[in-house]
Amino acid sequence: MRAGLASGAVIVVARESAGTPRAGGATRI
């Protein structure tokens, strides 16, 4: 999964919390 992210894949998660989403997937990674 980490290698996939590094090569352009996208992984999204579903969370229990209705809190504020984390900012910027690629930047966050």
PDB file of all heavy atoms in Angstrom:
ATOM      1  N   MET A   1       0.838  -1.201   0.000  1.00  0.00           N
ATOM      2  CA  MET A   1       0.000   0.000   0.000  1.00  0.00           C
ATOM      3  C   MET A   1       0.877   1.256   0.000  1.00  0.00           C
ATOM      4  O   MET A   1       0.613   2.202  -0.746  1.00  0.00           O
ATOM      5  CB  MET A   1      -0.960  -0.013   1.188  1.00  0.00           C
ATOM      6  CG  MET A   1      -1.999  -1.130   1.081  1.00  0.00           C
ATOM      7  SD  MET A   1      -3.021  -1.285   2.549  1.00  0.00           S
ATOM      8  CE  MET A   1      -4.252  -0.055   2.172  1.00  0.00           C
ATOM      9  N   ARG A   2       1.923   1.255   0.807  1.00  0.00           N
ATOM     10  CA  ARG A   2       2.852   2.403   0.825  1.00  0.00           C
ATOM     11  C   ARG A   2       3.501   2.588  -0.551  1.00  0.00           C
ATOM     12  O   ARG A   2       3.620   3.703  -1.046  1.00  0.00           O
ATOM     13  CB  ARG A   2       3.919   2.213   1.895  1.00  0.00           C
ATOM     14  CG  ARG A   2       3.422   2.391   3.300  1.00  0.00           C
ATOM     15  CD  ARG A   2       4.575   2.284   4.328  1.00  0.00           C
ATOM     16  NE  ARG A   2       4.038   2.047   5.631  1.00  0.00           N
ATOM     17  CZ  ARG A   2       3.843   0.848   6.187  1.00  0.00           C
ATOM     18  NH1 ARG A   2       4.201  -0.250   5.545  1.00  0.00           N
ATOM     19  NH2 ARG A   2       3.317   0.738   7.377  1.00  0.00           N
ATOM     20  N   ALA A   3       3.927   1.483  -1.155  1.00  0.00           N
ATOM     21  CA  ALA A   3       4.542   1.555  -2.482  1.00  0.00           C
ATOM     22  C   ALA A   3       3.532   2.052  -3.514  1.00  0.00           C
ATOM     23  O   ALA A   3       3.880   2.838  -4.402  1.00  0.00           O
ATOM     24  CB  ALA A   3       5.097   0.186  -2.885  1.00  0.00           C
ATOM     25  N   GLY A   4       2.285   1.604  -3.396  1.00  0.00           N
ATOM     26  CA  GLY A   4       1.244   2.076  -4.304  1.00  0.00           C
ATOM     27  C   GLY A   4       1.049   3.576  -4.196  1.00  0.00           C
ATOM     28  O   GLY A   4       0.934   4.281  -5.210  1.00  0.00           O
ATOM     29  N   LEU A   5       1.026   4.085  -2.989  1.00  0.00           N
ATOM     30  CA  LEU A   5       0.891   5.530  -2.783  1.00  0.00           C
ATOM     31  C   LEU A   5       2.053   6.279  -3.425  1.00  0.00           C
ATOM     32  O   LEU A   5       1.860   7.310  -4.072  1.00  0.00           O
ATOM     33  CB  LEU A   5       0.821   5.865  -1.298  1.00  0.00           C
ATOM     34  CG  LEU A   5      -0.471   5.488  -0.595  1.00  0.00           C
ATOM     35  CD1 LEU A   5      -0.303   5.615   0.920  1.00  0.00           C
ATOM     36  CD2 LEU A   5      -1.630   6.337  -1.081  1.00  0.00           C
ATOM     37  N   ALA A   6       3.251   5.738  -3.275  1.00  0.00           N
ATOM     38  CA  ALA A   6       4.434   6.386  -3.839  1.00  0.00           C
ATOM     39  C   ALA A   6       4.408   6.400  -5.362  1.00  0.00           C
ATOM     40  O   ALA A   6       5.012   7.267  -5.986  1.00  0.00           O
ATOM     41  CB  ALA A   6       5.697   5.681  -3.340  1.00  0.00           C
ATOM     42  N   SER A   7       3.674   5.455  -5.969  1.00  0.00           N
ATOM     43  CA  SER A   7       3.638   5.385  -7.432  1.00  0.00           C
ATOM     44  C   SER A   7       2.353   5.965  -8.034  1.00  0.00           C
ATOM     45  O   SER A   7       2.063   5.721  -9.191  1.00  0.00           O
ATOM     46  CB  SER A   7       3.846   3.944  -7.896  1.00  0.00           C
ATOM     47  OG  SER A   7       2.736   3.153  -7.519  1.00  0.00           O
ATOM     48  N   GLY A   8       1.586   6.704  -7.239  1.00  0.00           N
ATOM     49  CA  GLY A   8       0.430   7.404  -7.797  1.00  0.00           C
ATOM     50  C   GLY A   8      -0.933   6.859  -7.451  1.00  0.00           C
ATOM     51  O   GLY A   8      -1.944   7.429  -7.853  1.00  0.00           O
ATOM     52  N   ALA A   9      -0.984   5.768  -6.711  1.00  0.00           N
ATOM     53  CA  ALA A   9      -2.283   5.252  -6.284  1.00  0.00           C
ATOM     54  C   ALA A   9      -2.880   6.204  -5.244  1.00  0.00           C
ATOM     55  O   ALA A   9      -2.173   7.024  -4.649  1.00  0.00           O
ATOM     56  CB  ALA A   9      -2.154   3.853  -5.694  1.00  0.00           C
ATOM     57  N   VAL A  10      -4.173   6.076  -5.044  1.00  0.00           N
ATOM     58  CA  VAL A  10      -4.890   6.865  -4.050  1.00  0.00           C
ATOM     59  C   VAL A  10      -5.564   5.872  -3.110  1.00  0.00           C
ATOM     60  O   VAL A  10      -6.145   4.895  -3.566  1.00  0.00           O
ATOM     61  CB  VAL A  10      -5.961   7.752  -4.721  1.00  0.00           C
ATOM     62  CG1 VAL A  10      -6.805   8.467  -3.687  1.00  0.00           C
ATOM     63  CG2 VAL A  10      -5.321   8.736  -5.689  1.00  0.00           C
ATOM     64  N   ILE A  11      -5.466   6.122  -1.832  1.00  0.00           N
ATOM     65  CA  ILE A  11      -6.188   5.301  -0.864  1.00  0.00           C
ATOM     66  C   ILE A  11      -7.018   6.247  -0.019  1.00  0.00           C
ATOM     67  O   ILE A  11      -6.504   7.244   0.501  1.00  0.00           O
ATOM     68  CB  ILE A  11      -5.249   4.462   0.018  1.00  0.00           C
ATOM     69  CG1 ILE A  11      -4.405   3.509  -0.843  1.00  0.00           C
ATOM     70  CG2 ILE A  11      -6.059   3.674   1.058  1.00  0.00           C
ATOM     71  CD1 ILE A  11      -3.353   2.725  -0.082  1.00  0.00           C
ATOM     72  N   VAL A  12      -8.306   5.949   0.061  1.00  0.00           N
ATOM     73  CA  VAL A  12      -9.199   6.737   0.904  1.00  0.00           C
ATOM     74  C   VAL A  12      -9.725   5.842   2.005  1.00  0.00           C
ATOM     75  O   VAL A  12      -9.846   4.632   1.832  1.00  0.00           O
ATOM     76  CB  VAL A  12     -10.361   7.372   0.107  1.00  0.00           C
ATOM     77  CG1 VAL A  12      -9.832   8.398  -0.888  1.00  0.00           C
ATOM     78  CG2 VAL A  12     -11.192   6.334  -0.610  1.00  0.00           C
ATOM     79  N   VAL A  13     -10.004   6.433   3.159  1.00  0.00           N
ATOM     80  CA  VAL A  13     -10.524   5.686   4.283  1.00  0.00           C
ATOM     81  C   VAL A  13     -11.878   6.246   4.682  1.00  0.00           C
ATOM     82  O   VAL A  13     -12.177   7.413   4.469  1.00  0.00           O
ATOM     83  CB  VAL A  13      -9.566   5.709   5.506  1.00  0.00           C
ATOM     84  CG1 VAL A  13      -8.277   4.992   5.197  1.00  0.00           C
ATOM     85  CG2 VAL A  13      -9.299   7.114   5.981  1.00  0.00           C
ATOM     86  N   ALA A  14     -12.689   5.369   5.247  1.00  0.00           N
ATOM     87  CA  ALA A  14     -13.944   5.773   5.866  1.00  0.00           C
ATOM     88  C   ALA A  14     -13.687   5.747   7.359  1.00  0.00           C
ATOM     89  O   ALA A  14     -13.137   4.782   7.883  1.00  0.00           O
ATOM     90  CB  ALA A  14     -15.065   4.807   5.490  1.00  0.00           C
ATOM     91  N   ARG A  15     -14.082   6.828   8.024  1.00  0.00           N
ATOM     92  CA  ARG A  15     -13.857   6.950   9.465  1.00  0.00           C
ATOM     93  C   ARG A  15     -15.172   7.076  10.211  1.00  0.00           C
ATOM     94  O   ARG A  15     -16.137   7.602   9.690  1.00  0.00           O
ATOM     95  CB  ARG A  15     -13.035   8.193   9.780  1.00  0.00           C
ATOM     96  CG  ARG A  15     -11.668   8.199   9.188  1.00  0.00           C
ATOM     97  CD  ARG A  15     -10.901   9.447   9.649  1.00  0.00           C
ATOM     98  NE  ARG A  15      -9.662   9.554   8.932  1.00  0.00           N
ATOM     99  CZ  ARG A  15      -8.583   8.823   9.165  1.00  0.00           C
ATOM    100  NH1 ARG A  15      -8.611   7.915  10.115  1.00  0.00           N
ATOM    101  NH2 ARG A  15      -7.482   8.967   8.463  1.00  0.00           N
ATOM    102  N   GLU A  16     -15.154   6.650  11.449  1.00  0.00           N
ATOM    103  CA  GLU A  16     -16.316   6.801  12.326  1.00  0.00           C
ATOM    104  C   GLU A  16     -16.580   8.254  12.641  1.00  0.00           C
ATOM    105  O   GLU A  16     -17.712   8.689  12.679  1.00  0.00           O
ATOM    106  CB  GLU A  16     -16.093   6.056  13.643  1.00  0.00           C
ATOM    107  CG  GLU A  16     -16.093   4.570  13.491  1.00  0.00           C
ATOM    108  CD  GLU A  16     -15.977   3.883  14.824  1.00  0.00           C
ATOM    109  OE1 GLU A  16     -16.780   4.193  15.715  1.00  0.00           O
ATOM    110  OE2 GLU A  16     -15.086   3.041  14.960  1.00  0.00           O
ATOM    111  N   SER A  17     -15.526   8.982  12.886  1.00  0.00           N
ATOM    112  CA  SER A  17     -15.645  10.359  13.328  1.00  0.00           C
ATOM    113  C   SER A  17     -16.194  11.246  12.226  1.00  0.00           C
ATOM    114  O   SER A  17     -15.812  11.146  11.070  1.00  0.00           O
ATOM    115  CB  SER A  17     -14.273  10.881  13.752  1.00  0.00           C
ATOM    116  OG  SER A  17     -14.327  12.265  13.976  1.00  0.00           O
ATOM    117  N   ALA A  18     -17.077  12.143  12.605  1.00  0.00           N
ATOM    118  CA  ALA A  18     -17.581  13.151  11.665  1.00  0.00           C
ATOM    119  C   ALA A  18     -16.787  14.433  11.826  1.00  0.00           C
ATOM    120  O   ALA A  18     -17.233  15.501  11.458  1.00  0.00           O
ATOM    121  CB  ALA A  18     -19.066  13.409  11.906  1.00  0.00           C
ATOM    122  N   GLY A  19     -15.578  14.330  12.377  1.00  0.00           N
ATOM    123  CA  GLY A  19     -14.729  15.504  12.589  1.00  0.00           C
ATOM    124  C   GLY A  19     -14.184  16.054  11.290  1.00  0.00           C
ATOM    125  O   GLY A  19     -14.511  15.597  10.203  1.00  0.00           O
ATOM    126  N   THR A  20     -13.335  17.024  11.395  1.00  0.00           N
ATOM    127  CA  THR A  20     -12.767  17.688  10.232  1.00  0.00           C
ATOM    128  C   THR A  20     -11.791  16.766   9.521  1.00  0.00           C
ATOM    129  O   THR A  20     -10.919  16.178  10.155  1.00  0.00           O
ATOM    130  CB  THR A  20     -12.017  18.961  10.676  1.00  0.00           C
ATOM    131  OG1 THR A  20     -12.923  19.743  11.446  1.00  0.00           O
ATOM    132  CG2 THR A  20     -11.517  19.752   9.496  1.00  0.00           C
ATOM    133  N   PRO A  21     -11.934  16.639   8.178  1.00  0.00           N
ATOM    134  CA  PRO A  21     -11.000  15.797   7.437  1.00  0.00           C
ATOM    135  C   PRO A  21      -9.569  16.321   7.542  1.00  0.00           C
ATOM    136  O   PRO A  21      -9.362  17.511   7.714  1.00  0.00           O
ATOM    137  CB  PRO A  21     -11.490  15.891   5.984  1.00  0.00           C
ATOM    138  CG  PRO A  21     -12.837  16.498   6.043  1.00  0.00           C
ATOM    139  CD  PRO A  21     -12.948  17.231   7.340  1.00  0.00           C
ATOM    140  N   ARG A  22      -8.621  15.411   7.435  1.00  0.00           N
ATOM    141  CA  ARG A  22      -7.222  15.819   7.409  1.00  0.00           C
ATOM    142  C   ARG A  22      -6.951  16.538   6.101  1.00  0.00           C
ATOM    143  O   ARG A  22      -7.479  16.176   5.073  1.00  0.00           O
ATOM    144  CB  ARG A  22      -6.317  14.598   7.522  1.00  0.00           C
ATOM    145  CG  ARG A  22      -6.360  13.987   8.886  1.00  0.00           C
ATOM    146  CD  ARG A  22      -5.465  12.757   8.912  1.00  0.00           C
ATOM    147  NE  ARG A  22      -5.413  12.208  10.226  1.00  0.00           N
ATOM    148  CZ  ARG A  22      -6.309  11.382  10.727  1.00  0.00           C
ATOM    149  NH1 ARG A  22      -7.340  11.023  10.017  1.00  0.00           N
ATOM    150  NH2 ARG A  22      -6.184  10.918  11.939  1.00  0.00           N
ATOM    151  N   ALA A  23      -6.068  17.492   6.148  1.00  0.00           N
ATOM    152  CA  ALA A  23      -5.752  18.287   4.961  1.00  0.00           C
ATOM    153  C   ALA A  23      -4.816  17.541   4.036  1.00  0.00           C
ATOM    154  O   ALA A  23      -3.962  16.794   4.482  1.00  0.00           O
ATOM    155  CB  ALA A  23      -5.114  19.600   5.374  1.00  0.00           C
ATOM    156  N   GLY A  24      -4.968  17.804   2.738  1.00  0.00           N
ATOM    157  CA  GLY A  24      -4.063  17.419   1.672  1.00  0.00           C
ATOM    158  C   GLY A  24      -3.449  16.055   1.739  1.00  0.00           C
ATOM    159  O   GLY A  24      -2.397  15.891   2.326  1.00  0.00           O
ATOM    160  N   GLY A  25      -4.072  15.064   1.105  1.00  0.00           N
ATOM    161  CA  GLY A  25      -3.592  13.697   1.139  1.00  0.00           C
ATOM    162  C   GLY A  25      -2.134  13.552   0.786  1.00  0.00           C
ATOM    163  O   GLY A  25      -1.358  13.011   1.548  1.00  0.00           O
ATOM    164  N   ALA A  26      -1.716  14.037  -0.396  1.00  0.00           N
ATOM    165  CA  ALA A  26      -0.337  13.850  -0.834  1.00  0.00           C
ATOM    166  C   ALA A  26       0.616  14.596   0.090  1.00  0.00           C
ATOM    167  O   ALA A  26       1.661  14.086   0.479  1.00  0.00           O
ATOM    168  CB  ALA A  26      -0.172  14.316  -2.274  1.00  0.00           C
ATOM    169  N   THR A  27       0.247  15.809   0.464  1.00  0.00           N
ATOM    170  CA  THR A  27       1.080  16.586   1.367  1.00  0.00           C
ATOM    171  C   THR A  27       1.166  15.900   2.718  1.00  0.00           C
ATOM    172  O   THR A  27       2.234  15.798   3.314  1.00  0.00           O
ATOM    173  CB  THR A  27       0.494  17.999   1.545  1.00  0.00           C
ATOM    174  OG1 THR A  27       0.373  18.576   0.260  1.00  0.00           O
ATOM    175  CG2 THR A  27       1.369  18.859   2.423  1.00  0.00           C
ATOM    176  N   ARG A  28       0.041  15.409   3.181  1.00  0.00           N
ATOM    177  CA  ARG A  28      -0.002  14.728   4.480  1.00  0.00           C
ATOM    178  C   ARG A  28       0.869  13.475   4.452  1.00  0.00           C
ATOM    179  O   ARG A  28       1.587  13.191   5.400  1.00  0.00           O
ATOM    180  CB  ARG A  28      -1.456  14.384   4.817  1.00  0.00           C
ATOM    181  CG  ARG A  28      -1.637  13.703   6.136  1.00  0.00           C
ATOM    182  CD  ARG A  28      -1.298  14.638   7.275  1.00  0.00           C
ATOM    183  NE  ARG A  28      -1.416  13.940   8.522  1.00  0.00           N
ATOM    184  CZ  ARG A  28      -1.846  14.484   9.627  1.00  0.00           C
ATOM    185  NH1 ARG A  28      -2.172  15.739   9.644  1.00  0.00           N
ATOM    186  NH2 ARG A  28      -1.929  13.776  10.705  1.00  0.00           N
ATOM    187  N   ILE A  29       0.779  12.722   3.342  1.00  0.00           N
ATOM    188  CA  ILE A  29       1.588  11.512   3.223  1.00  0.00           C
ATOM    189  C   ILE A  29       3.066  11.869   3.303  1.00  0.00           C
ATOM    190  O   ILE A  29       3.829  11.237   4.020  1.00  0.00           O
ATOM    191  CB  ILE A  29       1.281  10.765   1.904  1.00  0.00           C
ATOM    192  CG1 ILE A  29      -0.128  10.219   1.911  1.00  0.00           C
ATOM    193  CG2 ILE A  29       2.302   9.673   1.634  1.00  0.00           C
ATOM    194  CD1 ILE A  29      -0.389   9.164   2.945  1.00  0.00           C
TER     195      ILE A  29
END
